[in-house]
Amino acid sequence: MLLKSLQILKSKGYEVYMEPFRLNIVGYRSRFVRSNQFDDEIHVFYTNDQEKWVYHIFKATTDPGQYWLENPIHPQGTAFLQKGQYKNAYSLGKHRGVYPALIQTAPVTIIRNYERKGLFKWFESGVKDTGRFGINIHRARKHGTTKVIDDFSAGCLVFANAEDFNRFMSISGEHQNRYGNSFTVTLVDFRDERRRRLSHVAWGSVIAVGGLLAIHRLN
């Protein structure tokens, strides 16, 4: 998975951090399109002091829960974080002033669509806005694993498992000690990657067929 993530980030021109314990935090929005499930992932990877890569995969959501889809705070709809890399846009702080989390401290881009119900077909459709919206990275329940998102996310990236989140906070603290309280967060849509791979396969097939036709004509 490490190689795949490195390839994806580099193909998009995104920053990849190589220094020991400087975190690469990547949310992967899954191919599944129904709401209210923790069916996404947060990948956190970094090199240690022995220059070896360490890779964590945490079950999470990058989408809002059904409660906020049906009861949007904003008149234009609930926020979805737009895919992209948000360099130095996050810091350790307190989620809603209650418990330690990774909080948004610089502008990010979101997409709002009031007509969304429980099916996410086009994450790019809607009204885009850039600013500070409190799109934090936090946990669901304080203990155990949460099965359903509901009101735990209004657009934030949320860990399903409390122990996973505590582990994430621990390694984030090491990053802070070494590099200061500034973190880059990247969001990748897995369906984009699937479309990109299929496109490459299709073009490869066209080129191959074209080559065969050319050989046939020469013969």
Protein backbone atom coordinates (compact mmCIF):
# COMPACT_ATOMS: atom_id res chain seq x y z
CA MET A 1 0.00 0.00 0.00
CA LEU A 2 2.92 2.34 0.67
CA LEU A 3 4.10 2.18 -2.93
CA LYS A 4 0.59 2.77 -4.21
CA SER A 5 0.11 5.83 -1.99
CA LEU A 6 3.48 7.26 -2.99
CA GLN A 7 2.62 6.77 -6.66
CA ILE A 8 -0.77 8.44 -6.26
CA LEU A 9 0.59 11.45 -4.39
CA LYS A 10 3.53 11.97 -6.74
CA SER A 11 1.32 11.56 -9.84
CA LYS A 12 -0.78 14.47 -8.60
CA GLY A 13 2.24 16.63 -7.75
CA TYR A 14 1.47 16.46 -4.03
CA GLU A 15 4.06 16.82 -1.30
CA VAL A 16 5.45 13.63 0.24
CA TYR A 17 7.34 14.05 3.51
CA MET A 18 10.42 11.90 4.01
CA GLU A 19 11.81 13.28 7.29
CA PRO A 20 11.52 10.98 10.35
CA PHE A 21 8.10 11.23 12.00
CA ARG A 22 6.91 13.98 9.68
CA LEU A 23 3.44 12.68 8.90
CA ASN A 24 1.79 12.08 5.56
CA ILE A 25 -1.94 12.10 6.39
CA VAL A 26 -4.13 10.92 3.51
CA GLY A 27 -7.88 10.41 3.58
CA TYR A 28 -9.09 7.91 0.98
CA ARG A 29 -12.73 8.42 0.01
CA SER A 30 -14.04 4.98 -0.94
CA ARG A 31 -15.80 3.82 -4.09
CA PHE A 32 -18.99 3.22 -2.09
CA VAL A 33 -21.62 5.91 -2.57
CA ARG A 34 -24.07 5.40 0.30
CA SER A 35 -24.04 7.64 3.34
CA ASN A 36 -23.74 6.97 7.07
CA GLN A 37 -21.11 4.21 6.92
CA PHE A 38 -17.49 4.34 8.04
CA ASP A 39 -16.37 3.01 4.67
CA ASP A 40 -13.44 5.36 4.04
CA GLU A 41 -9.87 5.22 5.35
CA ILE A 42 -7.27 7.54 6.80
CA HIS A 43 -3.72 6.46 5.96
CA VAL A 44 -0.86 7.83 8.03
CA PHE A 45 2.69 7.01 6.99
CA TYR A 46 6.17 8.29 7.82
CA THR A 47 9.78 7.19 8.19
CA ASN A 48 11.19 6.35 11.61
CA ASP A 49 14.64 7.17 12.98
CA GLN A 50 16.03 4.07 11.25
CA GLU A 51 14.80 5.47 7.91
CA LYS A 52 12.20 2.73 7.58
CA TRP A 53 8.63 3.45 6.55
CA VAL A 54 5.81 2.99 9.06
CA TYR A 55 2.29 2.70 7.64
CA HIS A 56 -1.07 2.89 9.45
CA ILE A 57 -4.55 2.40 7.96
CA PHE A 58 -7.50 3.59 10.05
CA LYS A 59 -11.20 3.04 9.38
CA ALA A 60 -12.93 6.39 9.09
CA THR A 61 -15.33 8.59 7.18
CA THR A 62 -14.52 11.55 4.95
CA ASP A 63 -18.23 12.33 4.44
CA PRO A 64 -20.95 13.78 6.67
CA GLY A 65 -23.47 11.51 8.38
CA GLN A 66 -27.11 11.12 7.49
CA TYR A 67 -28.25 13.36 10.34
CA TRP A 68 -26.50 16.42 8.91
CA LEU A 69 -27.57 15.59 5.36
CA GLU A 70 -31.18 15.77 6.53
CA ASN A 71 -30.59 18.70 8.91
CA PRO A 72 -27.97 20.92 7.26
CA ILE A 73 -26.59 23.78 9.31
CA HIS A 74 -25.95 25.87 6.20
CA PRO A 75 -28.78 26.84 3.80
CA GLN A 76 -26.80 25.55 0.80
CA GLY A 77 -26.27 22.13 2.36
CA THR A 78 -23.81 20.13 4.39
CA ALA A 79 -20.10 20.40 3.63
CA PHE A 80 -18.00 17.79 1.83
CA LEU A 81 -14.25 18.34 1.83
CA GLN A 82 -13.04 18.62 -1.75
CA LYS A 83 -10.28 16.26 -2.81
CA GLY A 84 -6.84 17.85 -2.82
CA GLN A 85 -3.85 18.56 -0.64
CA TYR A 86 -4.13 21.16 2.10
CA LYS A 87 -0.60 22.06 3.08
CA ASN A 88 -0.06 23.20 6.67
CA ALA A 89 -3.80 23.70 7.09
CA TYR A 90 -4.15 21.72 10.33
CA SER A 91 -2.87 21.94 13.91
CA LEU A 92 -3.32 20.07 17.15
CA GLY A 93 -6.06 21.73 19.19
CA LYS A 94 -9.45 20.89 20.66
CA HIS A 95 -12.42 19.71 18.64
CA ARG A 96 -15.26 22.07 19.54
CA GLY A 97 -13.17 23.04 22.55
CA VAL A 98 -13.83 19.66 24.16
CA TYR A 99 -11.04 17.14 23.47
CA PRO A 100 -7.68 17.08 21.61
CA ALA A 101 -7.90 16.54 17.86
CA LEU A 102 -6.43 17.80 14.61
CA ILE A 103 -8.27 20.99 13.78
CA GLN A 104 -8.50 23.12 10.67
CA THR A 105 -6.48 26.32 11.09
CA ALA A 106 -6.12 27.47 7.46
CA PRO A 107 -8.50 27.58 4.47
CA VAL A 108 -9.73 24.40 2.77
CA THR A 109 -12.22 23.96 -0.07
CA ILE A 110 -15.61 22.39 0.52
CA ILE A 111 -18.58 21.53 -1.69
CA ARG A 112 -22.17 22.02 -0.58
CA ASN A 113 -25.25 20.55 -2.26
CA TYR A 114 -28.61 20.90 -0.55
CA GLU A 115 -30.17 18.17 -2.69
CA ARG A 116 -27.93 15.38 -1.40
CA LYS A 117 -29.86 12.69 0.41
CA GLY A 118 -28.26 9.37 1.19
CA LEU A 119 -26.47 8.70 -2.09
CA PHE A 120 -23.18 10.30 -3.10
CA LYS A 121 -22.80 10.12 -6.87
CA TRP A 122 -20.94 13.28 -7.76
CA PHE A 123 -18.72 14.72 -5.06
CA GLU A 124 -17.74 17.55 -7.37
CA SER A 125 -21.27 18.85 -7.99
CA GLY A 126 -22.53 21.67 -5.81
CA VAL A 127 -21.44 25.07 -4.54
CA LYS A 128 -17.72 25.37 -3.81
CA ASP A 129 -16.40 27.57 -1.05
CA THR A 130 -12.95 28.09 0.44
CA GLY A 131 -12.36 29.19 4.01
CA ARG A 132 -12.37 28.02 7.61
CA PHE A 133 -15.30 25.75 8.35
CA GLY A 134 -14.13 23.59 11.23
CA ILE A 135 -13.42 20.57 8.99
CA ASN A 136 -11.50 18.79 11.75
CA ILE A 137 -10.05 15.30 12.16
CA HIS A 138 -11.49 13.70 15.28
CA ARG A 139 -13.08 10.52 16.67
CA ALA A 140 -16.66 9.35 17.01
CA ARG A 141 -17.38 7.89 20.45
CA LYS A 142 -14.90 8.15 23.32
CA HIS A 143 -14.61 4.36 23.63
CA GLY A 144 -14.84 1.42 21.25
CA THR A 145 -15.86 1.33 17.59
CA THR A 146 -18.77 3.34 16.20
CA LYS A 147 -20.77 1.60 13.46
CA VAL A 148 -22.97 4.43 12.12
CA ILE A 149 -21.90 8.02 11.46
CA ASP A 150 -25.19 9.86 12.12
CA ASP A 151 -24.32 13.20 13.78
CA PHE A 152 -20.62 12.45 14.44
CA SER A 153 -19.60 14.20 11.21
CA ALA A 154 -20.92 17.35 9.58
CA GLY A 155 -18.09 17.23 7.05
CA CYS A 156 -15.13 16.32 9.25
CA LEU A 157 -12.82 13.33 8.83
CA VAL A 158 -13.81 11.04 11.69
CA PHE A 159 -12.17 7.91 13.11
CA ALA A 160 -14.54 5.01 13.77
CA ASN A 161 -12.37 3.49 16.52
CA ALA A 162 -11.33 5.40 19.63
CA GLU A 163 -8.07 3.47 20.10
CA ASP A 164 -7.07 4.16 16.49
CA PHE A 165 -7.66 7.84 17.09
CA ASN A 166 -5.59 7.81 20.28
CA ARG A 167 -2.73 6.17 18.38
CA PHE A 168 -3.03 8.81 15.68
CA MET A 169 -2.89 11.58 18.28
CA SER A 170 0.19 10.04 19.84
CA ILE A 171 2.18 10.00 16.60
CA SER A 172 0.86 13.48 15.78
CA GLY A 173 2.41 14.63 19.05
CA GLU A 174 5.79 13.31 17.92
CA HIS A 175 5.40 15.21 14.64
CA GLN A 176 4.60 18.37 16.61
CA ASN A 177 7.63 17.96 18.86
CA ARG A 178 9.95 17.74 15.86
CA TYR A 179 8.38 20.03 13.26
CA GLY A 180 5.98 22.34 15.08
CA ASN A 181 2.21 22.43 15.20
CA SER A 182 1.48 22.36 11.49
CA PHE A 183 0.13 19.40 9.51
CA THR A 184 -0.70 18.74 5.86
CA VAL A 185 -3.83 16.74 5.07
CA THR A 186 -4.59 15.21 1.67
CA LEU A 187 -7.89 13.81 0.42
CA VAL A 188 -7.96 11.34 -2.49
CA ASP A 189 -11.10 9.96 -4.17
CA PHE A 190 -10.55 6.27 -4.88
CA ARG A 191 -13.08 6.40 -7.72
CA ASP A 192 -10.90 8.95 -9.49
CA GLU A 193 -7.98 6.55 -9.22
CA ARG A 194 -10.10 3.73 -10.62
CA ARG A 195 -11.20 5.91 -13.55
CA ARG A 196 -7.58 6.93 -14.14
CA ARG A 197 -6.41 3.30 -14.20
CA LEU A 198 -9.23 2.29 -16.54
CA SER A 199 -8.36 5.20 -18.81
CA HIS A 200 -4.73 4.10 -18.94
CA VAL A 201 -5.79 0.53 -19.71
CA ALA A 202 -8.14 1.74 -22.45
CA TRP A 203 -5.46 3.91 -24.06
CA GLY A 204 -2.98 1.07 -23.79
CA SER A 205 -5.45 -1.19 -25.59
CA VAL A 206 -6.00 1.38 -28.32
CA ILE A 207 -2.26 1.77 -28.82
CA ALA A 208 -1.78 -2.00 -28.86
CA VAL A 209 -4.59 -2.50 -31.38
CA GLY A 210 -3.20 0.33 -33.48
CA GLY A 211 0.20 -1.33 -33.46
CA LEU A 212 -1.30 -4.67 -34.52
CA LEU A 213 -3.17 -2.97 -37.36
CA ALA A 214 0.00 -1.29 -38.51
CA ILE A 215 1.89 -4.61 -38.45
CA HIS A 216 -0.94 -6.29 -40.33
CA ARG A 217 -0.88 -3.62 -43.02
CA LEU A 218 2.89 -3.90 -43.37
CA ASN A 219 2.51 -7.63 -43.86
